[in-house]
Amino acid sequence: MMSDPLRGLYRQNEAYQPRHDGTLWLLENADGWGLACDEWVCKIWQAFDGRPTAEILAGVTDRLGCSAALVESTAKVLARAGMLLPAEPLPSLERASASDVSDLSPFPL
């Protein structure tokens, strides 16, 4: 069984800085690569400053008026994208083989 990677400490990846382009927040590095996100995601990213996750969850959920599940799932996505750095390595993701997905019916996006 895999442990929850949010149990440890997370911190912002210092290679990325927030910038607002007038519409979206951008978490971008010096080369201009990064992630476009809304204000909530940016605030969640900014909250992860190396304090214990439970402390961050309590503060962010109170300040933003959102659920802990939303903050946790957002943080996990940001960690997978490299925007948050965990104190412990993230578990590897299982990849589906082509044969596993070949019999899935296509659906419009």
C-alpha atoms as a PDB file:
ATOM      1  CA  MET A   1       0.000   0.000   0.000  1.00  0.00           C
ATOM      2  CA  MET A   2       1.268   3.422  -0.975  1.00  0.00           C
ATOM      3  CA  SER A   3       1.536   6.146   1.674  1.00  0.00           C
ATOM      4  CA  ASP A   4      -0.090   9.490   1.056  1.00  0.00           C
ATOM      5  CA  PRO A   5       2.614  11.793  -0.347  1.00  0.00           C
ATOM      6  CA  LEU A   6       0.979  14.843   1.259  1.00  0.00           C
ATOM      7  CA  ARG A   7       1.765  13.584   4.766  1.00  0.00           C
ATOM      8  CA  GLY A   8       5.228  15.073   4.549  1.00  0.00           C
ATOM      9  CA  LEU A   9       6.328  18.589   3.927  1.00  0.00           C
ATOM     10  CA  TYR A  10       5.946  20.344   0.613  1.00  0.00           C
ATOM     11  CA  ARG A  11       7.515  23.542  -0.544  1.00  0.00           C
ATOM     12  CA  GLN A  12       7.252  25.664  -3.632  1.00  0.00           C
ATOM     13  CA  ASN A  13       9.713  24.935  -6.389  1.00  0.00           C
ATOM     14  CA  GLU A  14      11.781  28.113  -6.306  1.00  0.00           C
ATOM     15  CA  ALA A  15      12.462  27.830 -10.042  1.00  0.00           C
ATOM     16  CA  TYR A  16       8.863  29.002 -10.605  1.00  0.00           C
ATOM     17  CA  GLN A  17       7.459  32.427  -9.847  1.00  0.00           C
ATOM     18  CA  PRO A  18       3.830  33.588 -10.029  1.00  0.00           C
ATOM     19  CA  ARG A  19       2.853  36.236 -12.552  1.00  0.00           C
ATOM     20  CA  HIS A  20      -0.600  37.481 -13.512  1.00  0.00           C
ATOM     21  CA  ASP A  21      -1.114  38.102 -17.231  1.00  0.00           C
ATOM     22  CA  GLY A  22      -4.407  39.974 -16.824  1.00  0.00           C
ATOM     23  CA  THR A  23      -6.503  36.828 -17.165  1.00  0.00           C
ATOM     24  CA  LEU A  24      -4.714  33.879 -15.564  1.00  0.00           C
ATOM     25  CA  TRP A  25      -1.958  33.281 -13.066  1.00  0.00           C
ATOM     26  CA  LEU A  26       1.204  31.814 -14.529  1.00  0.00           C
ATOM     27  CA  LEU A  27       3.670  29.806 -12.491  1.00  0.00           C
ATOM     28  CA  GLU A  28       6.649  30.092 -14.776  1.00  0.00           C
ATOM     29  CA  ASN A  29      10.381  29.572 -14.713  1.00  0.00           C
ATOM     30  CA  ALA A  30      13.071  31.874 -16.085  1.00  0.00           C
ATOM     31  CA  ASP A  31      12.695  30.293 -19.553  1.00  0.00           C
ATOM     32  CA  GLY A  32       8.957  31.094 -19.632  1.00  0.00           C
ATOM     33  CA  TRP A  33       7.835  27.489 -19.138  1.00  0.00           C
ATOM     34  CA  GLY A  34       5.268  26.640 -16.519  1.00  0.00           C
ATOM     35  CA  LEU A  35       1.610  26.311 -15.760  1.00  0.00           C
ATOM     36  CA  ALA A  36      -1.367  28.597 -16.306  1.00  0.00           C
ATOM     37  CA  CYS A  37      -3.827  28.442 -13.421  1.00  0.00           C
ATOM     38  CA  ASP A  38      -6.633  30.309 -11.729  1.00  0.00           C
ATOM     39  CA  GLU A  39      -6.263  32.393  -8.582  1.00  0.00           C
ATOM     40  CA  TRP A  40      -7.267  29.529  -6.246  1.00  0.00           C
ATOM     41  CA  VAL A  41      -4.579  27.198  -7.592  1.00  0.00           C
ATOM     42  CA  CYS A  42      -1.997  29.973  -7.314  1.00  0.00           C
ATOM     43  CA  LYS A  43      -3.001  30.662  -3.699  1.00  0.00           C
ATOM     44  CA  ILE A  44      -2.795  26.967  -2.873  1.00  0.00           C
ATOM     45  CA  TRP A  45       0.680  26.807  -4.461  1.00  0.00           C
ATOM     46  CA  GLN A  46       1.800  29.878  -2.504  1.00  0.00           C
ATOM     47  CA  ALA A  47       0.587  28.365   0.783  1.00  0.00           C
ATOM     48  CA  PHE A  48       2.975  25.407   0.561  1.00  0.00           C
ATOM     49  CA  ASP A  49       6.052  26.950   2.157  1.00  0.00           C
ATOM     50  CA  GLY A  50       7.503  23.911   3.911  1.00  0.00           C
ATOM     51  CA  ARG A  51       5.192  23.952   6.929  1.00  0.00           C
ATOM     52  CA  PRO A  52       3.439  20.685   7.828  1.00  0.00           C
ATOM     53  CA  THR A  53       0.671  19.848   5.369  1.00  0.00           C
ATOM     54  CA  ALA A  54      -1.999  19.681   8.102  1.00  0.00           C
ATOM     55  CA  GLU A  55      -1.195  23.257   9.137  1.00  0.00           C
ATOM     56  CA  ILE A  56      -1.365  24.455   5.549  1.00  0.00           C
ATOM     57  CA  LEU A  57      -4.649  22.634   4.904  1.00  0.00           C
ATOM     58  CA  ALA A  58      -6.286  24.251   7.933  1.00  0.00           C
ATOM     59  CA  GLY A  59      -5.180  27.740   6.918  1.00  0.00           C
ATOM     60  CA  VAL A  60      -6.019  27.452   3.221  1.00  0.00           C
ATOM     61  CA  THR A  61      -9.427  25.851   3.716  1.00  0.00           C
ATOM     62  CA  ASP A  62     -10.392  28.599   6.187  1.00  0.00           C
ATOM     63  CA  ARG A  63      -9.007  31.422   4.039  1.00  0.00           C
ATOM     64  CA  LEU A  64     -10.404  30.210   0.700  1.00  0.00           C
ATOM     65  CA  GLY A  65     -13.564  28.599   2.039  1.00  0.00           C
ATOM     66  CA  CYS A  66     -12.898  25.341   0.206  1.00  0.00           C
ATOM     67  CA  SER A  67     -12.661  21.717   1.225  1.00  0.00           C
ATOM     68  CA  ALA A  68      -9.488  19.996   2.356  1.00  0.00           C
ATOM     69  CA  ALA A  69     -10.055  17.479  -0.453  1.00  0.00           C
ATOM     70  CA  LEU A  70      -9.836  20.285  -3.053  1.00  0.00           C
ATOM     71  CA  VAL A  71      -6.598  21.597  -1.545  1.00  0.00           C
ATOM     72  CA  GLU A  72      -5.101  18.093  -1.297  1.00  0.00           C
ATOM     73  CA  SER A  73      -5.973  17.142  -4.868  1.00  0.00           C
ATOM     74  CA  THR A  74      -4.674  20.473  -6.196  1.00  0.00           C
ATOM     75  CA  ALA A  75      -1.424  20.040  -4.275  1.00  0.00           C
ATOM     76  CA  LYS A  76      -0.974  16.518  -5.631  1.00  0.00           C
ATOM     77  CA  VAL A  77      -1.410  17.772  -9.210  1.00  0.00           C
ATOM     78  CA  LEU A  78       1.050  20.625  -8.567  1.00  0.00           C
ATOM     79  CA  ALA A  79       3.540  18.130  -7.132  1.00  0.00           C
ATOM     80  CA  ARG A  80       3.228  15.852 -10.184  1.00  0.00           C
ATOM     81  CA  ALA A  81       3.772  18.911 -12.397  1.00  0.00           C
ATOM     82  CA  GLY A  82       6.941  19.783 -10.456  1.00  0.00           C
ATOM     83  CA  MET A  83       5.579  23.041  -9.044  1.00  0.00           C
ATOM     84  CA  LEU A  84       5.649  21.682  -5.478  1.00  0.00           C
ATOM     85  CA  LEU A  85       8.589  19.712  -4.169  1.00  0.00           C
ATOM     86  CA  PRO A  86       7.921  16.985  -1.594  1.00  0.00           C
ATOM     87  CA  ALA A  87      10.239  16.183   1.289  1.00  0.00           C
ATOM     88  CA  GLU A  88      10.025  12.533   0.176  1.00  0.00           C
ATOM     89  CA  PRO A  89       9.987  11.276  -3.426  1.00  0.00           C
ATOM     90  CA  LEU A  90       6.561  10.759  -4.960  1.00  0.00           C
ATOM     91  CA  PRO A  91       5.587   7.171  -5.729  1.00  0.00           C
ATOM     92  CA  SER A  92       5.789   6.315  -9.408  1.00  0.00           C
ATOM     93  CA  LEU A  93       2.558   6.229 -11.369  1.00  0.00           C
ATOM     94  CA  GLU A  94       1.414   3.028 -12.995  1.00  0.00           C
ATOM     95  CA  ARG A  95       1.200   3.323 -16.752  1.00  0.00           C
ATOM     96  CA  ALA A  96      -1.490   1.559 -18.746  1.00  0.00           C
ATOM     97  CA  SER A  97      -0.284  -0.506 -21.654  1.00  0.00           C
ATOM     98  CA  ALA A  98      -1.709  -0.048 -25.150  1.00  0.00           C
ATOM     99  CA  SER A  99      -3.597  -3.335 -24.809  1.00  0.00           C
ATOM    100  CA  ASP A 100      -5.209  -2.103 -21.568  1.00  0.00           C
ATOM    101  CA  VAL A 101      -6.704   0.923 -23.276  1.00  0.00           C
ATOM    102  CA  SER A 102      -7.368  -0.483 -26.751  1.00  0.00           C
ATOM    103  CA  ASP A 103     -10.810  -1.780 -25.854  1.00  0.00           C
ATOM    104  CA  LEU A 104     -11.988   1.499 -24.304  1.00  0.00           C
ATOM    105  CA  SER A 105     -14.629   3.131 -26.426  1.00  0.00           C
ATOM    106  CA  PRO A 106     -13.658   6.610 -27.582  1.00  0.00           C
ATOM    107  CA  PHE A 107     -15.626   9.556 -26.343  1.00  0.00           C
ATOM    108  CA  PRO A 108     -15.713  13.171 -27.488  1.00  0.00           C
ATOM    109  CA  LEU A 109     -13.798  15.696 -25.446  1.00  0.00           C
END
